PDB file of all heavy atoms in Angstrom:
ATOM      1  N   ILE A   1     -20.321  63.025 -36.430  1.00  0.00           N
ATOM      2  CA  ILE A   1     -20.148  61.666 -36.945  1.00  0.00           C
ATOM      3  C   ILE A   1     -21.052  61.371 -38.138  1.00  0.00           C
ATOM      4  O   ILE A   1     -20.745  60.498 -38.951  1.00  0.00           O
ATOM      5  CB  ILE A   1     -20.339  60.586 -35.856  1.00  0.00           C
ATOM      6  CG1 ILE A   1     -21.749  60.620 -35.265  1.00  0.00           C
ATOM      7  CG2 ILE A   1     -19.264  60.701 -34.794  1.00  0.00           C
ATOM      8  CD1 ILE A   1     -22.065  59.390 -34.425  1.00  0.00           C
ATOM      9  N   ALA A   2     -22.166  62.080 -38.265  1.00  0.00           N
ATOM     10  CA  ALA A   2     -23.037  61.873 -39.428  1.00  0.00           C
ATOM     11  C   ALA A   2     -22.298  62.276 -40.704  1.00  0.00           C
ATOM     12  O   ALA A   2     -22.218  61.509 -41.668  1.00  0.00           O
ATOM     13  CB  ALA A   2     -24.329  62.670 -39.272  1.00  0.00           C
ATOM     14  N   ASP A   3     -21.740  63.476 -40.706  1.00  0.00           N
ATOM     15  CA  ASP A   3     -20.963  63.935 -41.864  1.00  0.00           C
ATOM     16  C   ASP A   3     -19.718  63.078 -42.063  1.00  0.00           C
ATOM     17  O   ASP A   3     -19.334  62.778 -43.204  1.00  0.00           O
ATOM     18  CB  ASP A   3     -20.548  65.392 -41.661  1.00  0.00           C
ATOM     19  CG  ASP A   3     -21.704  66.366 -41.805  1.00  0.00           C
ATOM     20  OD1 ASP A   3     -22.479  66.512 -40.846  1.00  0.00           O
ATOM     21  OD2 ASP A   3     -21.824  66.973 -42.879  1.00  0.00           O
ATOM     22  N   PHE A   4     -19.094  62.691 -40.971  1.00  0.00           N
ATOM     23  CA  PHE A   4     -17.866  61.904 -41.032  1.00  0.00           C
ATOM     24  C   PHE A   4     -18.121  60.557 -41.703  1.00  0.00           C
ATOM     25  O   PHE A   4     -17.339  60.104 -42.541  1.00  0.00           O
ATOM     26  CB  PHE A   4     -17.326  61.711 -39.612  1.00  0.00           C
ATOM     27  CG  PHE A   4     -15.886  61.283 -39.541  1.00  0.00           C
ATOM     28  CD1 PHE A   4     -14.864  62.200 -39.747  1.00  0.00           C
ATOM     29  CD2 PHE A   4     -15.553  59.985 -39.259  1.00  0.00           C
ATOM     30  CE1 PHE A   4     -13.533  61.813 -39.673  1.00  0.00           C
ATOM     31  CE2 PHE A   4     -14.224  59.575 -39.186  1.00  0.00           C
ATOM     32  CZ  PHE A   4     -13.211  60.501 -39.399  1.00  0.00           C
ATOM     33  N   ALA A   5     -19.226  59.917 -41.342  1.00  0.00           N
ATOM     34  CA  ALA A   5     -19.555  58.618 -41.932  1.00  0.00           C
ATOM     35  C   ALA A   5     -19.790  58.738 -43.431  1.00  0.00           C
ATOM     36  O   ALA A   5     -19.348  57.895 -44.211  1.00  0.00           O
ATOM     37  CB  ALA A   5     -20.786  58.021 -41.251  1.00  0.00           C
ATOM     38  N   VAL A   6     -20.479  59.791 -43.847  1.00  0.00           N
ATOM     39  CA  VAL A   6     -20.755  59.984 -45.269  1.00  0.00           C
ATOM     40  C   VAL A   6     -19.476  60.321 -46.029  1.00  0.00           C
ATOM     41  O   VAL A   6     -19.175  59.743 -47.078  1.00  0.00           O
ATOM     42  CB  VAL A   6     -21.807  61.095 -45.475  1.00  0.00           C
ATOM     43  CG1 VAL A   6     -22.013  61.378 -46.965  1.00  0.00           C
ATOM     44  CG2 VAL A   6     -23.139  60.708 -44.833  1.00  0.00           C
ATOM     45  N   GLY A   7     -18.705  61.267 -45.505  1.00  0.00           N
ATOM     46  CA  GLY A   7     -17.506  61.718 -46.190  1.00  0.00           C
ATOM     47  C   GLY A   7     -16.442  60.651 -46.335  1.00  0.00           C
ATOM     48  O   GLY A   7     -15.765  60.574 -47.368  1.00  0.00           O
ATOM     49  N   THR A   8     -16.292  59.804 -45.327  1.00  0.00           N
ATOM     50  CA  THR A   8     -15.287  58.733 -45.394  1.00  0.00           C
ATOM     51  C   THR A   8     -15.785  57.518 -46.159  1.00  0.00           C
ATOM     52  O   THR A   8     -15.030  56.567 -46.351  1.00  0.00           O
ATOM     53  CB  THR A   8     -14.876  58.282 -43.978  1.00  0.00           C
ATOM     54  OG1 THR A   8     -16.046  57.820 -43.265  1.00  0.00           O
ATOM     55  CG2 THR A   8     -14.216  59.407 -43.197  1.00  0.00           C
ATOM     56  N   ARG A   9     -17.040  57.524 -46.564  1.00  0.00           N
ATOM     57  CA  ARG A   9     -17.648  56.403 -47.287  1.00  0.00           C
ATOM     58  C   ARG A   9     -17.543  55.116 -46.466  1.00  0.00           C
ATOM     59  O   ARG A   9     -17.334  54.020 -47.008  1.00  0.00           O
ATOM     60  CB  ARG A   9     -17.007  56.217 -48.669  1.00  0.00           C
ATOM     61  CG  ARG A   9     -17.185  57.405 -49.592  1.00  0.00           C
ATOM     62  CD  ARG A   9     -16.538  57.195 -50.962  1.00  0.00           C
ATOM     63  NE  ARG A   9     -17.150  56.075 -51.678  1.00  0.00           N
ATOM     64  CZ  ARG A   9     -18.254  56.159 -52.424  1.00  0.00           C
ATOM     65  NH1 ARG A   9     -18.881  57.313 -52.552  1.00  0.00           N
ATOM     66  NH2 ARG A   9     -18.725  55.088 -53.049  1.00  0.00           N
ATOM     67  N   ALA A  10     -17.727  55.252 -45.158  1.00  0.00           N
ATOM     68  CA  ALA A  10     -17.630  54.088 -44.281  1.00  0.00           C
ATOM     69  C   ALA A  10     -18.685  53.037 -44.620  1.00  0.00           C
ATOM     70  O   ALA A  10     -18.430  51.839 -44.533  1.00  0.00           O
ATOM     71  CB  ALA A  10     -17.769  54.519 -42.821  1.00  0.00           C
ATOM     72  N   GLY A  11     -19.873  53.473 -44.959  1.00  0.00           N
ATOM     73  CA  GLY A  11     -20.933  52.547 -45.357  1.00  0.00           C
ATOM     74  C   GLY A  11     -21.828  52.080 -44.238  1.00  0.00           C
ATOM     75  O   GLY A  11     -22.882  51.491 -44.486  1.00  0.00           O
ATOM     76  N   GLN A  12     -21.430  52.347 -42.983  1.00  0.00           N
ATOM     77  CA  GLN A  12     -22.246  51.946 -41.840  1.00  0.00           C
ATOM     78  C   GLN A  12     -22.096  52.995 -40.737  1.00  0.00           C
ATOM     79  O   GLN A  12     -21.008  53.543 -40.544  1.00  0.00           O
ATOM     80  CB  GLN A  12     -21.806  50.590 -41.293  1.00  0.00           C
ATOM     81  CG  GLN A  12     -21.921  49.443 -42.279  1.00  0.00           C
ATOM     82  CD  GLN A  12     -21.382  48.141 -41.709  1.00  0.00           C
ATOM     83  OE1 GLN A  12     -21.971  47.538 -40.814  1.00  0.00           O
ATOM     84  NE2 GLN A  12     -20.248  47.681 -42.231  1.00  0.00           N
ATOM     85  N   ILE A  13     -23.199  53.236 -40.012  1.00  0.00           N
ATOM     86  CA  ILE A  13     -23.149  54.127 -38.852  1.00  0.00           C
ATOM     87  C   ILE A  13     -23.988  53.543 -37.732  1.00  0.00           C
ATOM     88  O   ILE A  13     -25.061  52.976 -37.959  1.00  0.00           O
ATOM     89  CB  ILE A  13     -23.621  55.554 -39.190  1.00  0.00           C
ATOM     90  CG1 ILE A  13     -23.312  56.506 -38.030  1.00  0.00           C
ATOM     91  CG2 ILE A  13     -25.109  55.578 -39.549  1.00  0.00           C
ATOM     92  CD1 ILE A  13     -23.504  57.979 -38.369  1.00  0.00           C
ATOM     93  N   LYS A  14     -23.476  53.675 -36.553  1.00  0.00           N
ATOM     94  CA  LYS A  14     -24.151  53.192 -35.352  1.00  0.00           C
ATOM     95  C   LYS A  14     -24.383  54.404 -34.459  1.00  0.00           C
ATOM     96  O   LYS A  14     -23.437  54.970 -33.931  1.00  0.00           O
ATOM     97  CB  LYS A  14     -23.237  52.159 -34.679  1.00  0.00           C
ATOM     98  CG  LYS A  14     -23.695  51.639 -33.354  1.00  0.00           C
ATOM     99  CD  LYS A  14     -22.660  50.653 -32.821  1.00  0.00           C
ATOM    100  CE  LYS A  14     -22.860  50.443 -31.334  1.00  0.00           C
ATOM    101  NZ  LYS A  14     -21.867  49.528 -30.771  1.00  0.00           N
ATOM    102  N   THR A  15     -25.638  54.814 -34.341  1.00  0.00           N
ATOM    103  CA  THR A  15     -25.886  56.023 -33.561  1.00  0.00           C
ATOM    104  C   THR A  15     -27.213  55.971 -32.799  1.00  0.00           C
ATOM    105  O   THR A  15     -27.932  56.948 -32.683  1.00  0.00           O
ATOM    106  CB  THR A  15     -25.764  57.286 -34.443  1.00  0.00           C
ATOM    107  OG1 THR A  15     -25.825  58.443 -33.642  1.00  0.00           O
ATOM    108  CG2 THR A  15     -26.801  57.328 -35.542  1.00  0.00           C
ATOM    109  N   GLY A  16     -27.529  54.770 -32.275  1.00  0.00           N
ATOM    110  CA  GLY A  16     -28.614  54.649 -31.319  1.00  0.00           C
ATOM    111  C   GLY A  16     -29.987  54.436 -31.920  1.00  0.00           C
ATOM    112  O   GLY A  16     -30.153  54.218 -33.121  1.00  0.00           O
ATOM    113  N   ALA A  17     -30.971  54.503 -31.035  1.00  0.00           N
ATOM    114  CA  ALA A  17     -32.371  54.346 -31.426  1.00  0.00           C
ATOM    115  C   ALA A  17     -32.888  55.647 -32.021  1.00  0.00           C
ATOM    116  O   ALA A  17     -32.295  56.708 -31.823  1.00  0.00           O
ATOM    117  CB  ALA A  17     -33.208  53.953 -30.213  1.00  0.00           C
ATOM    118  N   PRO A  18     -34.019  55.590 -32.723  1.00  0.00           N
ATOM    119  CA  PRO A  18     -34.646  56.822 -33.205  1.00  0.00           C
ATOM    120  C   PRO A  18     -35.442  57.472 -32.069  1.00  0.00           C
ATOM    121  O   PRO A  18     -36.644  57.716 -32.170  1.00  0.00           O
ATOM    122  CB  PRO A  18     -35.551  56.330 -34.342  1.00  0.00           C
ATOM    123  CG  PRO A  18     -35.929  54.945 -33.930  1.00  0.00           C
ATOM    124  CD  PRO A  18     -34.733  54.390 -33.208  1.00  0.00           C
ATOM    125  N   ALA A  19     -34.754  57.730 -30.968  1.00  0.00           N
ATOM    126  CA  ALA A  19     -35.350  58.330 -29.780  1.00  0.00           C
ATOM    127  C   ALA A  19     -34.256  59.096 -29.050  1.00  0.00           C
ATOM    128  O   ALA A  19     -33.081  58.751 -29.164  1.00  0.00           O
ATOM    129  CB  ALA A  19     -35.938  57.257 -28.859  1.00  0.00           C
ATOM    130  N   ARG A  20     -34.623  60.104 -28.306  1.00  0.00           N
ATOM    131  CA  ARG A  20     -33.703  61.013 -27.615  1.00  0.00           C
ATOM    132  C   ARG A  20     -33.045  61.930 -28.640  1.00  0.00           C
ATOM    133  O   ARG A  20     -32.487  61.478 -29.638  1.00  0.00           O
ATOM    134  CB  ARG A  20     -32.630  60.272 -26.801  1.00  0.00           C
ATOM    135  CG  ARG A  20     -33.189  59.321 -25.758  1.00  0.00           C
ATOM    136  CD  ARG A  20     -32.084  58.600 -25.018  1.00  0.00           C
ATOM    137  NE  ARG A  20     -31.143  59.535 -24.408  1.00  0.00           N
ATOM    138  CZ  ARG A  20     -30.702  59.433 -23.147  1.00  0.00           C
ATOM    139  NH1 ARG A  20     -31.134  58.461 -22.365  1.00  0.00           N
ATOM    140  NH2 ARG A  20     -29.837  60.300 -22.685  1.00  0.00           N
ATOM    141  N   SER A  21     -33.108  63.221 -28.370  1.00  0.00           N
ATOM    142  CA  SER A  21     -32.632  64.207 -29.348  1.00  0.00           C
ATOM    143  C   SER A  21     -31.159  64.043 -29.681  1.00  0.00           C
ATOM    144  O   SER A  21     -30.729  64.349 -30.793  1.00  0.00           O
ATOM    145  CB  SER A  21     -32.883  65.627 -28.826  1.00  0.00           C
ATOM    146  OG  SER A  21     -34.259  65.878 -28.716  1.00  0.00           O
ATOM    147  N   ASP A  22     -30.355  63.545 -28.716  1.00  0.00           N
ATOM    148  CA  ASP A  22     -28.931  63.373 -28.977  1.00  0.00           C
ATOM    149  C   ASP A  22     -28.675  62.310 -30.032  1.00  0.00           C
ATOM    150  O   ASP A  22     -27.641  62.332 -30.707  1.00  0.00           O
ATOM    151  CB  ASP A  22     -28.196  63.018 -27.679  1.00  0.00           C
ATOM    152  CG  ASP A  22     -28.942  61.982 -26.850  1.00  0.00           C
ATOM    153  OD1 ASP A  22     -29.967  62.341 -26.230  1.00  0.00           O
ATOM    154  OD2 ASP A  22     -28.513  60.822 -26.811  1.00  0.00           O
ATOM    155  N   ARG A  23     -29.590  61.351 -30.190  1.00  0.00           N
ATOM    156  CA  ARG A  23     -29.462  60.335 -31.250  1.00  0.00           C
ATOM    157  C   ARG A  23     -30.164  60.796 -32.535  1.00  0.00           C
ATOM    158  O   ARG A  23     -29.609  60.687 -33.631  1.00  0.00           O
ATOM    159  CB  ARG A  23     -30.075  59.002 -30.797  1.00  0.00           C
ATOM    160  CG  ARG A  23     -29.713  58.581 -29.394  1.00  0.00           C
ATOM    161  CD  ARG A  23     -28.235  58.283 -29.201  1.00  0.00           C
ATOM    162  NE  ARG A  23     -27.850  58.553 -27.821  1.00  0.00           N
ATOM    163  CZ  ARG A  23     -26.640  58.336 -27.312  1.00  0.00           C
ATOM    164  NH1 ARG A  23     -25.681  57.834 -28.072  1.00  0.00           N
ATOM    165  NH2 ARG A  23     -26.366  58.642 -26.060  1.00  0.00           N
ATOM    166  N   VAL A  24     -31.362  61.313 -32.374  1.00  0.00           N
ATOM    167  CA  VAL A  24     -32.152  61.726 -33.537  1.00  0.00           C
ATOM    168  C   VAL A  24     -31.445  62.841 -34.312  1.00  0.00           C
ATOM    169  O   VAL A  24     -31.575  62.934 -35.544  1.00  0.00           O
ATOM    170  CB  VAL A  24     -33.564  62.166 -33.087  1.00  0.00           C
ATOM    171  CG1 VAL A  24     -34.346  62.771 -34.251  1.00  0.00           C
ATOM    172  CG2 VAL A  24     -34.326  60.976 -32.507  1.00  0.00           C
ATOM    173  N   ALA A  25     -30.669  63.680 -33.622  1.00  0.00           N
ATOM    174  CA  ALA A  25     -29.943  64.759 -34.294  1.00  0.00           C
ATOM    175  C   ALA A  25     -29.058  64.211 -35.411  1.00  0.00           C
ATOM    176  O   ALA A  25     -28.947  64.812 -36.491  1.00  0.00           O
ATOM    177  CB  ALA A  25     -29.097  65.537 -33.289  1.00  0.00           C
ATOM    178  N   LYS A  26     -28.422  63.054 -35.170  1.00  0.00           N
ATOM    179  CA  LYS A  26     -27.551  62.458 -36.191  1.00  0.00           C
ATOM    180  C   LYS A  26     -28.377  61.961 -37.380  1.00  0.00           C
ATOM    181  O   LYS A  26     -27.992  62.142 -38.541  1.00  0.00           O
ATOM    182  CB  LYS A  26     -26.753  61.290 -35.605  1.00  0.00           C
ATOM    183  CG  LYS A  26     -25.517  61.684 -34.808  1.00  0.00           C
ATOM    184  CD  LYS A  26     -25.831  62.271 -33.457  1.00  0.00           C
ATOM    185  CE  LYS A  26     -24.633  62.301 -32.528  1.00  0.00           C
ATOM    186  NZ  LYS A  26     -24.910  63.039 -31.278  1.00  0.00           N
ATOM    187  N   TYR A  27     -29.500  61.303 -37.083  1.00  0.00           N
ATOM    188  CA  TYR A  27     -30.357  60.823 -38.168  1.00  0.00           C
ATOM    189  C   TYR A  27     -30.916  61.982 -38.987  1.00  0.00           C
ATOM    190  O   TYR A  27     -31.001  61.898 -40.218  1.00  0.00           O
ATOM    191  CB  TYR A  27     -31.485  59.962 -37.610  1.00  0.00           C
ATOM    192  CG  TYR A  27     -31.007  58.650 -37.029  1.00  0.00           C
ATOM    193  CD1 TYR A  27     -31.245  58.313 -35.706  1.00  0.00           C
ATOM    194  CD2 TYR A  27     -30.296  57.745 -37.816  1.00  0.00           C
ATOM    195  CE1 TYR A  27     -30.791  57.112 -35.173  1.00  0.00           C
ATOM    196  CE2 TYR A  27     -29.838  56.546 -37.300  1.00  0.00           C
ATOM    197  CZ  TYR A  27     -30.086  56.235 -35.972  1.00  0.00           C
ATOM    198  OH  TYR A  27     -29.627  55.045 -35.458  1.00  0.00           O
ATOM    199  N   ASN A  28     -31.288  63.067 -38.308  1.00  0.00           N
ATOM    200  CA  ASN A  28     -31.803  64.221 -39.040  1.00  0.00           C
ATOM    201  C   ASN A  28     -30.731  64.841 -39.935  1.00  0.00           C
ATOM    202  O   ASN A  28     -31.014  65.257 -41.065  1.00  0.00           O
ATOM    203  CB  ASN A  28     -32.360  65.262 -38.067  1.00  0.00           C
ATOM    204  CG  ASN A  28     -33.681  64.823 -37.454  1.00  0.00           C
ATOM    205  OD1 ASN A  28     -34.334  63.921 -37.970  1.00  0.00           O
ATOM    206  ND2 ASN A  28     -34.071  65.446 -36.355  1.00  0.00           N
ATOM    207  N   GLN A  29     -29.500  64.892 -39.440  1.00  0.00           N
ATOM    208  CA  GLN A  29     -28.417  65.401 -40.277  1.00  0.00           C
ATOM    209  C   GLN A  29     -28.190  64.499 -41.489  1.00  0.00           C
ATOM    210  O   GLN A  29     -27.959  64.983 -42.608  1.00  0.00           O
ATOM    211  CB  GLN A  29     -27.129  65.529 -39.456  1.00  0.00           C
ATOM    212  CG  GLN A  29     -25.900  65.997 -40.233  1.00  0.00           C
ATOM    213  CD  GLN A  29     -25.993  67.441 -40.718  1.00  0.00           C
ATOM    214  OE1 GLN A  29     -27.013  68.103 -40.563  1.00  0.00           O
ATOM    215  NE2 GLN A  29     -24.922  67.925 -41.327  1.00  0.00           N
ATOM    216  N   LEU A  30     -28.268  63.191 -41.274  1.00  0.00           N
ATOM    217  CA  LEU A  30     -28.115  62.264 -42.402  1.00  0.00           C
ATOM    218  C   LEU A  30     -29.241  62.441 -43.415  1.00  0.00           C
ATOM    219  O   LEU A  30     -29.014  62.343 -44.631  1.00  0.00           O
ATOM    220  CB  LEU A  30     -28.064  60.825 -41.890  1.00  0.00           C
ATOM    221  CG  LEU A  30     -26.769  60.438 -41.180  1.00  0.00           C
ATOM    222  CD1 LEU A  30     -26.943  59.140 -40.400  1.00  0.00           C
ATOM    223  CD2 LEU A  30     -25.613  60.299 -42.178  1.00  0.00           C
TER     224      LEU A  30
END
């Protein structure tokens, strides 16, 4: 979803707190 949000130019992403590796993984990819 990190790549998907950027590629589609959605402009917003909702992917949790900056805690727990399953959430932080998306922020790190971004």
